[in-house]
């Protein structure tokens, strides 16, 4: 079954806490794949991105994106999203291909 959310633990020190203090609380963060696909397509439309598929891959369930067509500007797309998106929303890997893979296959 296709996984549509990625959840991991994250946390920040309490306001005013010294930097050496351990992080006391963590909170789960859910990332919706369909929303990331929509946002990647929106941000990359003027960079040649015509279609996007996002999936969680590998044993660590890393967030990966495939964009179409092959000539789309991956470097410029990654630069844009790294500047403005939350770190947990940025795919670890983005590749451009001649066609989109079947995201149900591992």
PDB file of N, CA and C in Angstrom:
ATOM      1  N   UNK A   1       0.842  -1.177   0.000  1.00  0.00           N
ATOM      2  CA  UNK A   1       0.000   0.000   0.000  1.00  0.00           C
ATOM      3  C   UNK A   1       0.890   1.243   0.000  1.00  0.00           C
ATOM      4  N   UNK A   2       0.481   2.256  -0.739  1.00  0.00           N
ATOM      5  CA  UNK A   2       1.229   3.496  -0.860  1.00  0.00           C
ATOM      6  C   UNK A   2       1.172   4.273   0.448  1.00  0.00           C
ATOM      7  N   UNK A   3       2.315   4.682   0.923  1.00  0.00           N
ATOM      8  CA  UNK A   3       2.377   5.471   2.144  1.00  0.00           C
ATOM      9  C   UNK A   3       2.221   6.938   1.774  1.00  0.00           C
ATOM     10  N   UNK A   4       1.267   7.625   2.406  1.00  0.00           N
ATOM     11  CA  UNK A   4       0.988   9.008   2.044  1.00  0.00           C
ATOM     12  C   UNK A   4       1.492  10.012   3.063  1.00  0.00           C
ATOM     13  N   UNK A   5       1.982   9.538   4.181  1.00  0.00           N
ATOM     14  CA  UNK A   5       2.501  10.456   5.186  1.00  0.00           C
ATOM     15  C   UNK A   5       3.835   9.959   5.700  1.00  0.00           C
ATOM     16  N   UNK A   6       4.665  10.881   6.116  1.00  0.00           N
ATOM     17  CA  UNK A   6       5.944  10.549   6.730  1.00  0.00           C
ATOM     18  C   UNK A   6       5.923  11.216   8.092  1.00  0.00           C
ATOM     19  N   UNK A   7       6.201  10.475   9.121  1.00  0.00           N
ATOM     20  CA  UNK A   7       6.199  11.017  10.469  1.00  0.00           C
ATOM     21  C   UNK A   7       7.542  10.737  11.117  1.00  0.00           C
ATOM     22  N   UNK A   8       8.118  11.742  11.736  1.00  0.00           N
ATOM     23  CA  UNK A   8       9.342  11.544  12.479  1.00  0.00           C
ATOM     24  C   UNK A   8       9.323  12.466  13.679  1.00  0.00           C
ATOM     25  N   UNK A   9      10.198  12.239  14.597  1.00  0.00           N
ATOM     26  CA  UNK A   9      10.227  13.042  15.814  1.00  0.00           C
ATOM     27  C   UNK A   9      11.184  14.205  15.645  1.00  0.00           C
ATOM     28  N   UNK A  10      10.752  15.347  16.104  1.00  0.00           N
ATOM     29  CA  UNK A  10      11.556  16.555  16.015  1.00  0.00           C
ATOM     30  C   UNK A  10      11.261  17.376  17.260  1.00  0.00           C
ATOM     31  N   UNK A  11      12.120  18.261  17.581  1.00  0.00           N
ATOM     32  CA  UNK A  11      11.870  19.109  18.728  1.00  0.00           C
ATOM     33  C   UNK A  11      12.859  20.240  18.819  1.00  0.00           C
ATOM     34  N   UNK A  12      12.498  21.255  19.564  1.00  0.00           N
ATOM     35  CA  UNK A  12      13.349  22.422  19.761  1.00  0.00           C
ATOM     36  C   UNK A  12      13.450  22.690  21.255  1.00  0.00           C
ATOM     37  N   UNK A  13      14.581  23.249  21.691  1.00  0.00           N
ATOM     38  CA  UNK A  13      14.685  23.625  23.105  1.00  0.00           C
ATOM     39  C   UNK A  13      13.631  24.671  23.456  1.00  0.00           C
ATOM     40  N   UNK A  14      13.263  24.717  24.707  1.00  0.00           N
ATOM     41  CA  UNK A  14      12.314  25.728  25.165  1.00  0.00           C
ATOM     42  C   UNK A  14      12.917  27.111  24.945  1.00  0.00           C
ATOM     43  N   UNK A  15      12.088  28.123  24.685  1.00  0.00           N
ATOM     44  CA  UNK A  15      12.615  29.476  24.505  1.00  0.00           C
ATOM     45  C   UNK A  15      13.474  29.883  25.701  1.00  0.00           C
ATOM     46  N   UNK A  16      14.657  30.397  25.424  1.00  0.00           N
ATOM     47  CA  UNK A  16      15.560  30.850  26.466  1.00  0.00           C
ATOM     48  C   UNK A  16      16.430  29.766  27.063  1.00  0.00           C
ATOM     49  N   UNK A  17      16.246  28.497  26.689  1.00  0.00           N
ATOM     50  CA  UNK A  17      17.050  27.400  27.239  1.00  0.00           C
ATOM     51  C   UNK A  17      18.475  27.482  26.690  1.00  0.00           C
ATOM     52  N   UNK A  18      19.480  27.187  27.531  1.00  0.00           N
ATOM     53  CA  UNK A  18      20.857  27.173  27.029  1.00  0.00           C
ATOM     54  C   UNK A  18      21.008  26.125  25.928  1.00  0.00           C
ATOM     55  N   UNK A  19      21.889  26.394  24.980  1.00  0.00           N
ATOM     56  CA  UNK A  19      22.046  25.492  23.843  1.00  0.00           C
ATOM     57  C   UNK A  19      22.541  24.110  24.238  1.00  0.00           C
ATOM     58  N   UNK A  20      23.223  23.970  25.360  1.00  0.00           N
ATOM     59  CA  UNK A  20      23.726  22.676  25.790  1.00  0.00           C
ATOM     60  C   UNK A  20      22.684  21.790  26.443  1.00  0.00           C
ATOM     61  N   UNK A  21      21.498  22.340  26.693  1.00  0.00           N
ATOM     62  CA  UNK A  21      20.437  21.582  27.348  1.00  0.00           C
ATOM     63  C   UNK A  21      19.893  20.499  26.419  1.00  0.00           C
ATOM     64  N   UNK A  22      19.533  19.329  26.968  1.00  0.00           N
ATOM     65  CA  UNK A  22      18.897  18.310  26.125  1.00  0.00           C
ATOM     66  C   UNK A  22      17.512  18.779  25.688  1.00  0.00           C
ATOM     67  N   UNK A  23      17.067  18.294  24.573  1.00  0.00           N
ATOM     68  CA  UNK A  23      15.746  18.660  24.069  1.00  0.00           C
ATOM     69  C   UNK A  23      14.716  17.824  24.826  1.00  0.00           C
ATOM     70  N   UNK A  24      13.837  18.469  25.605  1.00  0.00           N
ATOM     71  CA  UNK A  24      12.931  17.724  26.468  1.00  0.00           C
ATOM     72  C   UNK A  24      11.740  17.088  25.754  1.00  0.00           C
ATOM     73  N   UNK A  25      11.167  17.762  24.792  1.00  0.00           N
ATOM     74  CA  UNK A  25       9.950  17.273  24.152  1.00  0.00           C
ATOM     75  C   UNK A  25      10.173  17.128  22.654  1.00  0.00           C
ATOM     76  N   UNK A  26       9.533  16.145  22.096  1.00  0.00           N
ATOM     77  CA  UNK A  26       9.536  15.980  20.644  1.00  0.00           C
ATOM     78  C   UNK A  26       8.101  15.870  20.181  1.00  0.00           C
ATOM     79  N   UNK A  27       7.879  16.217  18.940  1.00  0.00           N
ATOM     80  CA  UNK A  27       6.526  16.136  18.397  1.00  0.00           C
ATOM     81  C   UNK A  27       6.577  15.473  17.033  1.00  0.00           C
ATOM     82  N   UNK A  28       5.581  14.670  16.697  1.00  0.00           N
ATOM     83  CA  UNK A  28       5.555  14.047  15.371  1.00  0.00           C
ATOM     84  C   UNK A  28       5.155  15.076  14.318  1.00  0.00           C
ATOM     85  N   UNK A  29       5.700  14.930  13.132  1.00  0.00           N
ATOM     86  CA  UNK A  29       5.371  15.801  12.007  1.00  0.00           C
ATOM     87  C   UNK A  29       4.881  14.915  10.873  1.00  0.00           C
ATOM     88  N   UNK A  30       3.694  15.175  10.388  1.00  0.00           N
ATOM     89  CA  UNK A  30       3.151  14.411   9.265  1.00  0.00           C
ATOM     90  C   UNK A  30       3.321  15.214   7.980  1.00  0.00           C
ATOM     91  N   UNK A  31       3.842  14.569   6.959  1.00  0.00           N
ATOM     92  CA  UNK A  31       4.037  15.199   5.662  1.00  0.00           C
ATOM     93  C   UNK A  31       3.129  14.493   4.666  1.00  0.00           C
ATOM     94  N   UNK A  32       2.272  15.226   4.006  1.00  0.00           N
ATOM     95  CA  UNK A  32       1.355  14.634   3.037  1.00  0.00           C
ATOM     96  C   UNK A  32       1.979  14.674   1.649  1.00  0.00           C
ATOM     97  N   UNK A  33       2.127  13.499   1.069  1.00  0.00           N
ATOM     98  CA  UNK A  33       2.779  13.351  -0.230  1.00  0.00           C
ATOM     99  C   UNK A  33       2.038  14.136  -1.311  1.00  0.00           C
ATOM    100  N   UNK A  34       0.731  14.041  -1.367  1.00  0.00           N
ATOM    101  CA  UNK A  34      -0.043  14.745  -2.398  1.00  0.00           C
ATOM    102  C   UNK A  34       0.168  16.252  -2.316  1.00  0.00           C
ATOM    103  N   UNK A  35       0.254  16.779  -1.113  1.00  0.00           N
ATOM    104  CA  UNK A  35       0.489  18.222  -0.933  1.00  0.00           C
ATOM    105  C   UNK A  35       1.887  18.595  -1.414  1.00  0.00           C
ATOM    106  N   UNK A  36       2.889  17.763  -1.117  1.00  0.00           N
ATOM    107  CA  UNK A  36       4.250  18.041  -1.604  1.00  0.00           C
ATOM    108  C   UNK A  36       4.303  18.004  -3.129  1.00  0.00           C
ATOM    109  N   UNK A  37       3.614  17.053  -3.739  1.00  0.00           N
ATOM    110  CA  UNK A  37       3.575  16.983  -5.195  1.00  0.00           C
ATOM    111  C   UNK A  37       2.982  18.255  -5.780  1.00  0.00           C
ATOM    112  N   UNK A  38       1.888  18.716  -5.202  1.00  0.00           N
ATOM    113  CA  UNK A  38       1.238  19.942  -5.670  1.00  0.00           C
ATOM    114  C   UNK A  38       2.174  21.134  -5.530  1.00  0.00           C
ATOM    115  N   UNK A  39       2.844  21.242  -4.380  1.00  0.00           N
ATOM    116  CA  UNK A  39       3.743  22.371  -4.135  1.00  0.00           C
ATOM    117  C   UNK A  39       4.964  22.334  -5.053  1.00  0.00           C
ATOM    118  N   UNK A  40       5.535  21.152  -5.269  1.00  0.00           N
ATOM    119  CA  UNK A  40       6.685  21.035  -6.184  1.00  0.00           C
ATOM    120  C   UNK A  40       6.299  21.438  -7.597  1.00  0.00           C
ATOM    121  N   UNK A  41       5.139  21.022  -8.038  1.00  0.00           N
ATOM    122  CA  UNK A  41       4.665  21.371  -9.378  1.00  0.00           C
ATOM    123  C   UNK A  41       4.447  22.878  -9.496  1.00  0.00           C
ATOM    124  N   UNK A  42       3.878  23.460  -8.455  1.00  0.00           N
ATOM    125  CA  UNK A  42       3.633  24.903  -8.446  1.00  0.00           C
ATOM    126  C   UNK A  42       4.947  25.689  -8.485  1.00  0.00           C
ATOM    127  N   UNK A  43       5.894  25.331  -7.626  1.00  0.00           N
ATOM    128  CA  UNK A  43       7.174  26.037  -7.546  1.00  0.00           C
ATOM    129  C   UNK A  43       8.004  25.835  -8.805  1.00  0.00           C
ATOM    130  N   UNK A  44       7.914  24.647  -9.423  1.00  0.00           N
ATOM    131  CA  UNK A  44       8.757  24.339 -10.556  1.00  0.00           C
ATOM    132  C   UNK A  44       8.136  24.545 -11.916  1.00  0.00           C
ATOM    133  N   UNK A  45       6.933  25.083 -11.984  1.00  0.00           N
ATOM    134  CA  UNK A  45       6.251  25.198 -13.273  1.00  0.00           C
ATOM    135  C   UNK A  45       7.039  26.041 -14.277  1.00  0.00           C
ATOM    136  N   UNK A  46       7.684  27.106 -13.835  1.00  0.00           N
ATOM    137  CA  UNK A  46       8.466  27.932 -14.761  1.00  0.00           C
ATOM    138  C   UNK A  46       9.888  27.398 -14.971  1.00  0.00           C
ATOM    139  N   UNK A  47      10.235  26.289 -14.306  1.00  0.00           N
ATOM    140  CA  UNK A  47      11.547  25.659 -14.484  1.00  0.00           C
ATOM    141  C   UNK A  47      11.453  24.420 -15.372  1.00  0.00           C
ATOM    142  N   UNK A  48      10.312  24.222 -15.975  1.00  0.00           N
ATOM    143  CA  UNK A  48      10.145  23.097 -16.881  1.00  0.00           C
ATOM    144  C   UNK A  48       9.529  21.867 -16.260  1.00  0.00           C
ATOM    145  N   UNK A  49       9.121  21.940 -14.997  1.00  0.00           N
ATOM    146  CA  UNK A  49       8.516  20.779 -14.339  1.00  0.00           C
ATOM    147  C   UNK A  49       7.080  20.634 -14.828  1.00  0.00           C
ATOM    148  N   UNK A  50       6.787  19.465 -15.420  1.00  0.00           N
ATOM    149  CA  UNK A  50       5.459  19.214 -15.946  1.00  0.00           C
ATOM    150  C   UNK A  50       4.654  18.232 -15.125  1.00  0.00           C
ATOM    151  N   UNK A  51       5.342  17.366 -14.380  1.00  0.00           N
ATOM    152  CA  UNK A  51       4.675  16.381 -13.534  1.00  0.00           C
ATOM    153  C   UNK A  51       5.628  15.984 -12.412  1.00  0.00           C
ATOM    154  N   UNK A  52       5.060  15.566 -11.296  1.00  0.00           N
ATOM    155  CA  UNK A  52       5.849  15.214 -10.107  1.00  0.00           C
ATOM    156  C   UNK A  52       5.236  13.996  -9.447  1.00  0.00           C
ATOM    157  N   UNK A  53       6.089  13.124  -8.931  1.00  0.00           N
ATOM    158  CA  UNK A  53       5.631  12.076  -8.028  1.00  0.00           C
ATOM    159  C   UNK A  53       6.597  12.041  -6.847  1.00  0.00           C
ATOM    160  N   UNK A  54       6.051  11.923  -5.659  1.00  0.00           N
ATOM    161  CA  UNK A  54       6.839  11.895  -4.422  1.00  0.00           C
ATOM    162  C   UNK A  54       6.571  10.569  -3.735  1.00  0.00           C
ATOM    163  N   UNK A  55       7.606   9.977  -3.176  1.00  0.00           N
ATOM    164  CA  UNK A  55       7.454   8.692  -2.484  1.00  0.00           C
ATOM    165  C   UNK A  55       8.466   8.597  -1.347  1.00  0.00           C
ATOM    166  N   UNK A  56       8.197   7.702  -0.431  1.00  0.00           N
ATOM    167  CA  UNK A  56       9.125   7.390   0.653  1.00  0.00           C
ATOM    168  C   UNK A  56       9.843   6.115   0.256  1.00  0.00           C
ATOM    169  N   UNK A  57      11.169   6.154   0.196  1.00  0.00           N
ATOM    170  CA  UNK A  57      11.949   5.026  -0.306  1.00  0.00           C
ATOM    171  C   UNK A  57      13.053   4.631   0.653  1.00  0.00           C
ATOM    172  N   UNK A  58      13.453   3.390   0.536  1.00  0.00           N
ATOM    173  CA  UNK A  58      14.582   2.879   1.303  1.00  0.00           C
ATOM    174  C   UNK A  58      14.199   2.485   2.709  1.00  0.00           C
ATOM    175  N   UNK A  59      15.141   1.856   3.417  1.00  0.00           N
ATOM    176  CA  UNK A  59      14.853   1.386   4.777  1.00  0.00           C
ATOM    177  C   UNK A  59      14.578   2.523   5.750  1.00  0.00           C
ATOM    178  N   UNK A  60      15.121   3.705   5.481  1.00  0.00           N
ATOM    179  CA  UNK A  60      14.888   4.857   6.356  1.00  0.00           C
ATOM    180  C   UNK A  60      13.674   5.677   5.928  1.00  0.00           C
ATOM    181  N   UNK A  61      12.976   5.206   4.873  1.00  0.00           N
ATOM    182  CA  UNK A  61      11.787   5.892   4.364  1.00  0.00           C
ATOM    183  C   UNK A  61      12.091   7.352   4.050  1.00  0.00           C
ATOM    184  N   UNK A  62      13.109   7.572   3.222  1.00  0.00           N
ATOM    185  CA  UNK A  62      13.521   8.914   2.850  1.00  0.00           C
ATOM    186  C   UNK A  62      12.569   9.491   1.810  1.00  0.00           C
ATOM    187  N   UNK A  63      12.301  10.782   1.945  1.00  0.00           N
ATOM    188  CA  UNK A  63      11.418  11.483   1.029  1.00  0.00           C
ATOM    189  C   UNK A  63      12.162  11.748  -0.275  1.00  0.00           C
ATOM    190  N   UNK A  64      11.626  11.224  -1.384  1.00  0.00           N
ATOM    191  CA  UNK A  64      12.249  11.359  -2.702  1.00  0.00           C
ATOM    192  C   UNK A  64      11.205  11.871  -3.688  1.00  0.00           C
ATOM    193  N   UNK A  65      11.666  12.629  -4.686  1.00  0.00           N
ATOM    194  CA  UNK A  65      10.763  13.146  -5.714  1.00  0.00           C
ATOM    195  C   UNK A  65      11.341  12.880  -7.091  1.00  0.00           C
ATOM    196  N   UNK A  66      10.470  12.535  -8.011  1.00  0.00           N
ATOM    197  CA  UNK A  66      10.833  12.398  -9.423  1.00  0.00           C
ATOM    198  C   UNK A  66      10.026  13.440 -10.184  1.00  0.00           C
ATOM    199  N   UNK A  67      10.716  14.174 -11.050  1.00  0.00           N
ATOM    200  CA  UNK A  67      10.029  15.184 -11.838  1.00  0.00           C
ATOM    201  C   UNK A  67      10.179  14.846 -13.313  1.00  0.00           C
ATOM    202  N   UNK A  68       9.227  15.332 -14.102  1.00  0.00           N
ATOM    203  CA  UNK A  68       9.203  15.108 -15.534  1.00  0.00           C
ATOM    204  C   UNK A  68       9.008  16.459 -16.185  1.00  0.00           C
ATOM    205  N   UNK A  69       9.615  16.741 -17.289  1.00  0.00           N
ATOM    206  CA  UNK A  69      10.468  15.911 -18.125  1.00  0.00           C
ATOM    207  C   UNK A  69      11.921  15.934 -17.687  1.00  0.00           C
ATOM    208  N   UNK A  70      12.717  15.176 -18.389  1.00  0.00           N
ATOM    209  CA  UNK A  70      14.127  14.990 -18.068  1.00  0.00           C
ATOM    210  C   UNK A  70      14.907  16.301 -18.044  1.00  0.00           C
ATOM    211  N   UNK A  71      14.531  17.270 -18.863  1.00  0.00           N
ATOM    212  CA  UNK A  71      15.263  18.530 -18.955  1.00  0.00           C
ATOM    213  C   UNK A  71      14.893  19.563 -17.903  1.00  0.00           C
ATOM    214  N   UNK A  72      13.993  19.243 -16.982  1.00  0.00           N
ATOM    215  CA  UNK A  72      13.590  20.198 -15.953  1.00  0.00           C
ATOM    216  C   UNK A  72      14.798  20.551 -15.081  1.00  0.00           C
ATOM    217  N   UNK A  73      14.843  21.776 -14.608  1.00  0.00           N
ATOM    218  CA  UNK A  73      15.999  22.289 -13.859  1.00  0.00           C
ATOM    219  C   UNK A  73      15.920  21.888 -12.380  1.00  0.00           C
ATOM    220  N   UNK A  74      16.488  20.733 -12.053  1.00  0.00           N
ATOM    221  CA  UNK A  74      16.451  20.192 -10.690  1.00  0.00           C
ATOM    222  C   UNK A  74      17.204  21.102  -9.723  1.00  0.00           C
ATOM    223  N   UNK A  75      18.366  21.591 -10.110  1.00  0.00           N
ATOM    224  CA  UNK A  75      19.182  22.432  -9.218  1.00  0.00           C
ATOM    225  C   UNK A  75      18.437  23.704  -8.817  1.00  0.00           C
ATOM    226  N   UNK A  76      17.818  24.366  -9.781  1.00  0.00           N
ATOM    227  CA  UNK A  76      17.075  25.594  -9.483  1.00  0.00           C
ATOM    228  C   UNK A  76      15.861  25.293  -8.606  1.00  0.00           C
ATOM    229  N   UNK A  77      15.184  24.182  -8.886  1.00  0.00           N
ATOM    230  CA  UNK A  77      14.032  23.784  -8.077  1.00  0.00           C
ATOM    231  C   UNK A  77      14.448  23.543  -6.631  1.00  0.00           C
ATOM    232  N   UNK A  78      15.523  22.782  -6.444  1.00  0.00           N
ATOM    233  CA  UNK A  78      16.000  22.502  -5.085  1.00  0.00           C
ATOM    234  C   UNK A  78      16.419  23.788  -4.370  1.00  0.00           C
ATOM    235  N   UNK A  79      17.071  24.695  -5.086  1.00  0.00           N
ATOM    236  CA  UNK A  79      17.453  25.978  -4.486  1.00  0.00           C
ATOM    237  C   UNK A  79      16.252  26.747  -3.983  1.00  0.00           C
ATOM    238  N   UNK A  80      15.209  26.783  -4.779  1.00  0.00           N
ATOM    239  CA  UNK A  80      13.996  27.504  -4.377  1.00  0.00           C
ATOM    240  C   UNK A  80      13.348  26.895  -3.144  1.00  0.00           C
ATOM    241  N   UNK A  81      13.196  25.571  -3.150  1.00  0.00           N
ATOM    242  CA  UNK A  81      12.469  24.985  -2.023  1.00  0.00           C
ATOM    243  C   UNK A  81      13.311  24.985  -0.750  1.00  0.00           C
ATOM    244  N   UNK A  82      14.614  24.866  -0.864  1.00  0.00           N
ATOM    245  CA  UNK A  82      15.461  24.923   0.346  1.00  0.00           C
ATOM    246  C   UNK A  82      15.416  26.300   0.998  1.00  0.00           C
ATOM    247  N   UNK A  83      15.214  27.340   0.202  1.00  0.00           N
ATOM    248  CA  UNK A  83      15.156  28.704   0.740  1.00  0.00           C
ATOM    249  C   UNK A  83      13.858  28.983   1.483  1.00  0.00           C
ATOM    250  N   UNK A  84      12.767  28.342   1.067  1.00  0.00           N
ATOM    251  CA  UNK A  84      11.466  28.754   1.584  1.00  0.00           C
ATOM    252  C   UNK A  84      10.680  27.678   2.328  1.00  0.00           C
ATOM    253  N   UNK A  85      10.996  26.406   2.134  1.00  0.00           N
ATOM    254  CA  UNK A  85      10.216  25.338   2.766  1.00  0.00           C
ATOM    255  C   UNK A  85      10.832  24.916   4.093  1.00  0.00           C
ATOM    256  N   UNK A  86       9.997  24.332   4.936  1.00  0.00           N
ATOM    257  CA  UNK A  86      10.497  23.713   6.157  1.00  0.00           C
ATOM    258  C   UNK A  86      11.407  22.556   5.777  1.00  0.00           C
ATOM    259  N   UNK A  87      12.435  22.304   6.582  1.00  0.00           N
ATOM    260  CA  UNK A  87      13.416  21.262   6.283  1.00  0.00           C
ATOM    261  C   UNK A  87      12.782  19.896   6.066  1.00  0.00           C
ATOM    262  N   UNK A  88      11.764  19.554   6.842  1.00  0.00           N
ATOM    263  CA  UNK A  88      11.157  18.222   6.739  1.00  0.00           C
ATOM    264  C   UNK A  88      10.290  18.062   5.490  1.00  0.00           C
ATOM    265  N   UNK A  89       9.981  19.168   4.799  1.00  0.00           N
ATOM    266  CA  UNK A  89       9.219  19.094   3.557  1.00  0.00           C
ATOM    267  C   UNK A  89      10.106  18.942   2.324  1.00  0.00           C
ATOM    268  N   UNK A  90      11.398  19.179   2.464  1.00  0.00           N
ATOM    269  CA  UNK A  90      12.313  19.146   1.319  1.00  0.00           C
ATOM    270  C   UNK A  90      12.724  17.701   1.038  1.00  0.00           C
ATOM    271  N   UNK A  91      12.455  17.201  -0.176  1.00  0.00           N
ATOM    272  CA  UNK A  91      12.877  15.836  -0.505  1.00  0.00           C
ATOM    273  C   UNK A  91      14.394  15.696  -0.422  1.00  0.00           C
ATOM    274  N   UNK A  92      14.848  14.565   0.084  1.00  0.00           N
ATOM    275  CA  UNK A  92      16.282  14.305   0.175  1.00  0.00           C
ATOM    276  C   UNK A  92      16.878  14.120  -1.217  1.00  0.00           C
ATOM    277  N   UNK A  93      16.110  13.505  -2.102  1.00  0.00           N
ATOM    278  CA  UNK A  93      16.550  13.259  -3.476  1.00  0.00           C
ATOM    279  C   UNK A  93      15.488  13.769  -4.435  1.00  0.00           C
ATOM    280  N   UNK A  94      15.930  14.494  -5.469  1.00  0.00           N
ATOM    281  CA  UNK A  94      15.043  14.895  -6.561  1.00  0.00           C
ATOM    282  C   UNK A  94      15.765  14.568  -7.852  1.00  0.00           C
ATOM    283  N   UNK A  95      15.113  13.809  -8.713  1.00  0.00           N
ATOM    284  CA  UNK A  95      15.686  13.448 -10.004  1.00  0.00           C
ATOM    285  C   UNK A  95      14.679  13.758 -11.101  1.00  0.00           C
ATOM    286  N   UNK A  96      15.212  14.123 -12.270  1.00  0.00           N
ATOM    287  CA  UNK A  96      14.370  14.342 -13.444  1.00  0.00           C
ATOM    288  C   UNK A  96      14.521  13.133 -14.355  1.00  0.00           C
ATOM    289  N   UNK A  97      13.426  12.669 -14.909  1.00  0.00           N
ATOM    290  CA  UNK A  97      13.470  11.495 -15.763  1.00  0.00           C
ATOM    291  C   UNK A  97      12.611  11.662 -17.003  1.00  0.00           C
ATOM    292  N   UNK A  98      12.823  10.769 -17.956  1.00  0.00           N
ATOM    293  CA  UNK A  98      12.067  10.788 -19.203  1.00  0.00           C
ATOM    294  C   UNK A  98      10.601  10.430 -18.965  1.00  0.00           C
ATOM    295  N   UNK A  99      10.345   9.667 -17.902  1.00  0.00           N
ATOM    296  CA  UNK A  99       8.976   9.336 -17.520  1.00  0.00           C
ATOM    297  C   UNK A  99       8.932   9.152 -16.013  1.00  0.00           C
ATOM    298  N   UNK A 100       7.743   9.310 -15.455  1.00  0.00           N
ATOM    299  CA  UNK A 100       7.595   9.135 -14.016  1.00  0.00           C
ATOM    300  C   UNK A 100       7.516   7.656 -13.679  1.00  0.00           C
ATOM    301  N   UNK A 101       8.158   7.254 -12.569  1.00  0.00           N
ATOM    302  CA  UNK A 101       8.073   5.849 -12.162  1.00  0.00           C
ATOM    303  C   UNK A 101       6.705   5.542 -11.574  1.00  0.00           C
ATOM    304  N   UNK A 102       6.369   4.273 -11.527  1.00  0.00           N
ATOM    305  CA  UNK A 102       5.175   3.815 -10.840  1.00  0.00           C
ATOM    306  C   UNK A 102       5.469   3.889  -9.355  1.00  0.00           C
ATOM    307  N   UNK A 103       4.826   4.746  -8.632  1.00  0.00           N
ATOM    308  CA  UNK A 103       5.182   4.966  -7.239  1.00  0.00           C
ATOM    309  C   UNK A 103       4.752   3.818  -6.338  1.00  0.00           C
ATOM    310  N   UNK A 104       3.937   2.897  -6.824  1.00  0.00           N
ATOM    311  CA  UNK A 104       3.542   1.732  -6.021  1.00  0.00           C
ATOM    312  C   UNK A 104       4.614   0.656  -6.013  1.00  0.00           C
ATOM    313  N   UNK A 105       5.595   0.748  -6.898  1.00  0.00           N
ATOM    314  CA  UNK A 105       6.664  -0.263  -6.920  1.00  0.00           C
ATOM    315  C   UNK A 105       7.799   0.171  -6.013  1.00  0.00           C
ATOM    316  N   UNK A 106       8.448  -0.767  -5.391  1.00  0.00           N
ATOM    317  CA  UNK A 106       9.576  -0.464  -4.498  1.00  0.00           C
ATOM    318  C   UNK A 106      10.868  -0.653  -5.241  1.00  0.00           C
TER     319      UNK A 106
END
